[in-house]
Structures are given as structure tokens and as C-alpha cells.
Amino acid sequence: TWPPQATEWFKMVTKVLERSFGGAKDKDSLIAAFNAHEAEVKATIPAERLLVHSAKDGWEPLCAFLGKPVPAEPYPRTNSKEEFFQHMTKADNM
């Protein structure tokens, strides 16, 4: 369930996802549409211009790809639902 302050935002995000993924509404359809889109991107973009990055990879491959130094701060490792909602609540109070 969504926190009250996030309801309108989540409704908007839901509409964007449905439009972006061909009207897919259920989890399996959204995953299939995402995977098809990802495969199309990988087939279309030249390998030297595309970084397929996973958060577990950390800063190094991302910074190497961008030609930038690795930041001193640790790579962000969390994005729990609770943290997300906590950040949304903070944003509403600003």
C-alpha cells in the first residue's frame, strides 16, 4: 500500500509504465516488455557506446565507461521500500 503523500505520484508512474511498455499492466507482462526493450537496446546500440550496469558492480565500471575518477564515497547500496517512502515523506516536508 502506498503512503497517502505518494498516491498521486504512484498513479502517474503507473500510467507512464503502462504507456512505455505497450499497455502491460501485470507483473509478468511488464517484465516481458522490459526484457524485450532491453534486448532491442543491446542489439541496436554499438557495444562501445553501451554500458550494461548493475548496482552490484559498484563505481569502477561506471566511472571507467564515463572516463571519470571513482568517487571517494561508497557506492549507494540500498533502496528499500521503507527508505524510498521515508525520502518521499521528507520531500513533502520541504
N, C-alpha and C. Protein backbone atom coordinates (compact mmCIF):
# COMPACT_ATOMS: atom_id res chain seq x y z
N THR A 1 0.84 -1.18 0.00
CA THR A 1 0.00 0.00 0.00
C THR A 1 0.89 1.25 0.00
N TRP A 2 0.44 2.26 -0.67
CA TRP A 2 1.21 3.48 -0.81
C TRP A 2 0.90 4.45 0.33
N PRO A 3 1.93 5.18 0.78
CA PRO A 3 1.65 6.21 1.78
C PRO A 3 0.79 7.30 1.14
N PRO A 4 -0.09 7.92 1.89
CA PRO A 4 -1.00 8.92 1.31
C PRO A 4 -0.30 10.01 0.50
N GLN A 5 0.85 10.48 0.98
CA GLN A 5 1.53 11.57 0.28
C GLN A 5 2.11 11.13 -1.06
N ALA A 6 2.18 9.82 -1.30
CA ALA A 6 2.78 9.31 -2.54
C ALA A 6 1.75 8.81 -3.54
N THR A 7 0.49 8.79 -3.18
CA THR A 7 -0.54 8.18 -4.02
C THR A 7 -0.59 8.79 -5.42
N GLU A 8 -0.65 10.10 -5.52
CA GLU A 8 -0.74 10.74 -6.83
C GLU A 8 0.50 10.47 -7.67
N TRP A 9 1.67 10.48 -7.03
CA TRP A 9 2.92 10.21 -7.73
C TRP A 9 2.91 8.79 -8.30
N PHE A 10 2.49 7.82 -7.48
CA PHE A 10 2.47 6.44 -7.95
C PHE A 10 1.44 6.23 -9.05
N LYS A 11 0.33 6.94 -9.01
CA LYS A 11 -0.65 6.85 -10.10
C LYS A 11 -0.01 7.33 -11.41
N MET A 12 0.75 8.43 -11.34
CA MET A 12 1.42 8.96 -12.52
C MET A 12 2.45 7.97 -13.03
N VAL A 13 3.25 7.40 -12.14
CA VAL A 13 4.27 6.44 -12.54
C VAL A 13 3.63 5.22 -13.19
N THR A 14 2.52 4.76 -12.64
CA THR A 14 1.81 3.61 -13.21
C THR A 14 1.38 3.90 -14.65
N LYS A 15 0.85 5.09 -14.89
CA LYS A 15 0.44 5.46 -16.25
C LYS A 15 1.64 5.51 -17.20
N VAL A 16 2.76 6.06 -16.73
CA VAL A 16 3.96 6.13 -17.57
C VAL A 16 4.44 4.72 -17.92
N LEU A 17 4.47 3.83 -16.93
CA LEU A 17 4.90 2.45 -17.20
C LEU A 17 3.98 1.76 -18.20
N GLU A 18 2.69 1.93 -18.03
CA GLU A 18 1.73 1.30 -18.95
C GLU A 18 1.94 1.82 -20.37
N ARG A 19 2.15 3.12 -20.52
CA ARG A 19 2.37 3.69 -21.86
C ARG A 19 3.72 3.25 -22.42
N SER A 20 4.72 3.18 -21.57
CA SER A 20 6.07 2.84 -22.02
C SER A 20 6.21 1.38 -22.40
N PHE A 21 5.43 0.53 -21.80
CA PHE A 21 5.57 -0.91 -22.03
C PHE A 21 4.34 -1.49 -22.71
N GLY A 22 3.82 -0.76 -23.67
CA GLY A 22 2.76 -1.27 -24.53
C GLY A 22 1.48 -1.66 -23.82
N GLY A 23 1.15 -0.97 -22.77
CA GLY A 23 -0.09 -1.27 -22.07
C GLY A 23 0.01 -2.43 -21.10
N ALA A 24 1.19 -2.98 -20.91
CA ALA A 24 1.35 -4.08 -19.95
C ALA A 24 0.96 -3.60 -18.56
N LYS A 25 0.17 -4.40 -17.87
CA LYS A 25 -0.30 -3.99 -16.54
C LYS A 25 0.08 -4.97 -15.45
N ASP A 26 0.20 -6.23 -15.77
CA ASP A 26 0.54 -7.20 -14.72
C ASP A 26 2.05 -7.41 -14.69
N LYS A 27 2.51 -7.96 -13.59
CA LYS A 27 3.95 -8.11 -13.36
C LYS A 27 4.64 -8.87 -14.49
N ASP A 28 4.10 -10.01 -14.88
CA ASP A 28 4.74 -10.83 -15.91
C ASP A 28 4.81 -10.10 -17.25
N SER A 29 3.75 -9.39 -17.61
CA SER A 29 3.74 -8.63 -18.87
C SER A 29 4.74 -7.48 -18.84
N LEU A 30 4.83 -6.79 -17.69
CA LEU A 30 5.79 -5.70 -17.56
C LEU A 30 7.23 -6.23 -17.66
N ILE A 31 7.50 -7.36 -17.02
CA ILE A 31 8.84 -7.94 -17.08
C ILE A 31 9.17 -8.36 -18.51
N ALA A 32 8.24 -8.99 -19.19
CA ALA A 32 8.47 -9.41 -20.57
C ALA A 32 8.72 -8.20 -21.47
N ALA A 33 7.94 -7.13 -21.30
CA ALA A 33 8.13 -5.93 -22.10
C ALA A 33 9.47 -5.28 -21.81
N PHE A 34 9.85 -5.24 -20.53
CA PHE A 34 11.15 -4.67 -20.16
C PHE A 34 12.28 -5.48 -20.79
N ASN A 35 12.22 -6.80 -20.69
CA ASN A 35 13.27 -7.66 -21.26
C ASN A 35 13.36 -7.51 -22.77
N ALA A 36 12.22 -7.38 -23.43
CA ALA A 36 12.23 -7.18 -24.88
C ALA A 36 12.87 -5.84 -25.24
N HIS A 37 12.55 -4.81 -24.47
CA HIS A 37 13.14 -3.48 -24.71
C HIS A 37 14.64 -3.52 -24.47
N GLU A 38 15.07 -4.16 -23.39
CA GLU A 38 16.49 -4.27 -23.09
C GLU A 38 17.22 -5.01 -24.21
N ALA A 39 16.65 -6.08 -24.72
CA ALA A 39 17.27 -6.83 -25.82
C ALA A 39 17.38 -5.96 -27.07
N GLU A 40 16.34 -5.17 -27.34
CA GLU A 40 16.37 -4.28 -28.51
C GLU A 40 17.48 -3.23 -28.36
N VAL A 41 17.62 -2.65 -27.17
CA VAL A 41 18.67 -1.66 -26.93
C VAL A 41 20.04 -2.30 -27.15
N LYS A 42 20.25 -3.49 -26.58
CA LYS A 42 21.54 -4.17 -26.72
C LYS A 42 21.85 -4.51 -28.17
N ALA A 43 20.81 -4.81 -28.94
CA ALA A 43 21.01 -5.15 -30.35
C ALA A 43 21.22 -3.90 -31.21
N THR A 44 20.77 -2.75 -30.75
CA THR A 44 20.80 -1.53 -31.54
C THR A 44 22.01 -0.65 -31.26
N ILE A 45 22.38 -0.52 -30.00
CA ILE A 45 23.46 0.40 -29.60
C ILE A 45 24.80 -0.32 -29.73
N PRO A 46 25.78 0.30 -30.40
CA PRO A 46 27.10 -0.34 -30.50
C PRO A 46 27.69 -0.60 -29.10
N ALA A 47 28.32 -1.74 -28.94
CA ALA A 47 28.84 -2.17 -27.64
C ALA A 47 29.75 -1.14 -27.00
N GLU A 48 30.55 -0.43 -27.81
CA GLU A 48 31.47 0.56 -27.24
C GLU A 48 30.76 1.80 -26.72
N ARG A 49 29.48 1.94 -27.04
CA ARG A 49 28.70 3.09 -26.58
C ARG A 49 27.68 2.71 -25.51
N LEU A 50 27.67 1.45 -25.09
CA LEU A 50 26.64 0.97 -24.17
C LEU A 50 27.27 0.32 -22.95
N LEU A 51 26.85 0.77 -21.80
CA LEU A 51 27.26 0.12 -20.55
C LEU A 51 26.02 -0.52 -19.95
N VAL A 52 26.08 -1.82 -19.78
CA VAL A 52 25.02 -2.52 -19.06
C VAL A 52 25.53 -2.65 -17.64
N HIS A 53 24.95 -1.86 -16.76
CA HIS A 53 25.47 -1.71 -15.40
C HIS A 53 24.49 -2.27 -14.38
N SER A 54 25.05 -2.96 -13.43
CA SER A 54 24.28 -3.45 -12.29
C SER A 54 24.82 -2.75 -11.05
N ALA A 55 23.96 -2.38 -10.14
CA ALA A 55 24.40 -1.69 -8.93
C ALA A 55 25.46 -2.49 -8.18
N LYS A 56 25.39 -3.80 -8.25
CA LYS A 56 26.37 -4.63 -7.53
C LYS A 56 27.78 -4.47 -8.11
N ASP A 57 27.89 -3.90 -9.32
CA ASP A 57 29.19 -3.68 -9.95
C ASP A 57 29.96 -2.52 -9.32
N GLY A 58 29.25 -1.63 -8.63
CA GLY A 58 29.90 -0.50 -7.97
C GLY A 58 30.33 0.59 -8.93
N TRP A 59 31.17 1.48 -8.41
CA TRP A 59 31.62 2.65 -9.16
C TRP A 59 32.54 2.34 -10.34
N GLU A 60 33.43 1.37 -10.17
CA GLU A 60 34.54 1.20 -11.11
C GLU A 60 34.12 1.09 -12.57
N PRO A 61 33.25 0.15 -12.96
CA PRO A 61 32.91 0.06 -14.38
C PRO A 61 32.16 1.29 -14.89
N LEU A 62 31.34 1.88 -14.06
CA LEU A 62 30.60 3.08 -14.45
C LEU A 62 31.56 4.24 -14.70
N CYS A 63 32.47 4.47 -13.76
CA CYS A 63 33.43 5.57 -13.90
C CYS A 63 34.39 5.32 -15.07
N ALA A 64 34.83 4.09 -15.26
CA ALA A 64 35.71 3.77 -16.39
C ALA A 64 35.00 4.06 -17.71
N PHE A 65 33.74 3.68 -17.80
CA PHE A 65 32.96 3.91 -19.01
C PHE A 65 32.81 5.40 -19.30
N LEU A 66 32.61 6.19 -18.25
CA LEU A 66 32.41 7.63 -18.39
C LEU A 66 33.72 8.41 -18.43
N GLY A 67 34.83 7.72 -18.16
CA GLY A 67 36.12 8.40 -18.14
C GLY A 67 36.25 9.36 -16.97
N LYS A 68 35.67 9.00 -15.86
CA LYS A 68 35.68 9.84 -14.66
C LYS A 68 36.36 9.10 -13.52
N PRO A 69 36.91 9.85 -12.56
CA PRO A 69 37.53 9.20 -11.40
C PRO A 69 36.47 8.57 -10.50
N VAL A 70 36.88 7.55 -9.79
CA VAL A 70 35.99 6.87 -8.84
C VAL A 70 35.81 7.78 -7.63
N PRO A 71 34.58 8.08 -7.24
CA PRO A 71 34.35 8.94 -6.07
C PRO A 71 34.89 8.30 -4.79
N ALA A 72 35.21 9.15 -3.83
CA ALA A 72 35.70 8.67 -2.54
C ALA A 72 34.58 8.02 -1.72
N GLU A 73 33.36 8.50 -1.90
CA GLU A 73 32.26 7.94 -1.11
C GLU A 73 31.85 6.56 -1.62
N PRO A 74 31.35 5.73 -0.71
CA PRO A 74 30.92 4.39 -1.12
C PRO A 74 29.77 4.44 -2.13
N TYR A 75 29.73 3.42 -2.95
CA TYR A 75 28.64 3.32 -3.92
C TYR A 75 27.33 3.08 -3.15
N PRO A 76 26.25 3.75 -3.52
CA PRO A 76 24.97 3.54 -2.82
C PRO A 76 24.55 2.07 -2.92
N ARG A 77 24.20 1.47 -1.81
CA ARG A 77 23.90 0.04 -1.79
C ARG A 77 22.47 -0.28 -1.37
N THR A 78 21.70 0.72 -1.00
CA THR A 78 20.35 0.41 -0.52
C THR A 78 19.31 1.19 -1.29
N ASN A 79 18.15 0.64 -1.33
CA ASN A 79 17.00 1.30 -1.93
C ASN A 79 15.75 0.53 -1.50
N SER A 80 15.64 0.35 -0.22
CA SER A 80 14.49 -0.41 0.29
C SER A 80 13.21 0.41 0.14
N LYS A 81 12.11 -0.27 0.15
CA LYS A 81 10.80 0.39 0.07
C LYS A 81 10.65 1.37 1.23
N GLU A 82 11.11 0.96 2.40
CA GLU A 82 10.99 1.82 3.58
C GLU A 82 11.79 3.11 3.41
N GLU A 83 13.03 2.98 2.88
CA GLU A 83 13.86 4.16 2.65
C GLU A 83 13.23 5.07 1.59
N PHE A 84 12.69 4.47 0.55
CA PHE A 84 12.06 5.23 -0.51
C PHE A 84 10.91 6.07 0.04
N PHE A 85 10.04 5.45 0.81
CA PHE A 85 8.90 6.16 1.38
C PHE A 85 9.37 7.21 2.39
N GLN A 86 10.43 6.92 3.12
CA GLN A 86 10.97 7.88 4.07
C GLN A 86 11.47 9.12 3.33
N HIS A 87 12.15 8.92 2.19
CA HIS A 87 12.62 10.05 1.39
C HIS A 87 11.44 10.84 0.83
N MET A 88 10.39 10.17 0.42
CA MET A 88 9.22 10.86 -0.10
C MET A 88 8.58 11.72 0.97
N THR A 89 8.53 11.20 2.18
CA THR A 89 7.95 11.95 3.30
C THR A 89 8.79 13.19 3.58
N LYS A 90 10.11 13.06 3.55
CA LYS A 90 10.99 14.20 3.77
C LYS A 90 10.77 15.25 2.68
N ALA A 91 10.61 14.81 1.44
CA ALA A 91 10.43 15.74 0.32
C ALA A 91 9.13 16.54 0.50
N ASP A 92 8.10 15.91 1.04
CA ASP A 92 6.84 16.61 1.27
C ASP A 92 6.96 17.67 2.34
N ASN A 93 7.89 17.50 3.25
CA ASN A 93 8.05 18.44 4.36
C ASN A 93 8.99 19.59 4.02
N MET A 94 9.54 19.61 2.84
CA MET A 94 10.49 20.66 2.46
C MET A 94 9.74 21.85 1.89
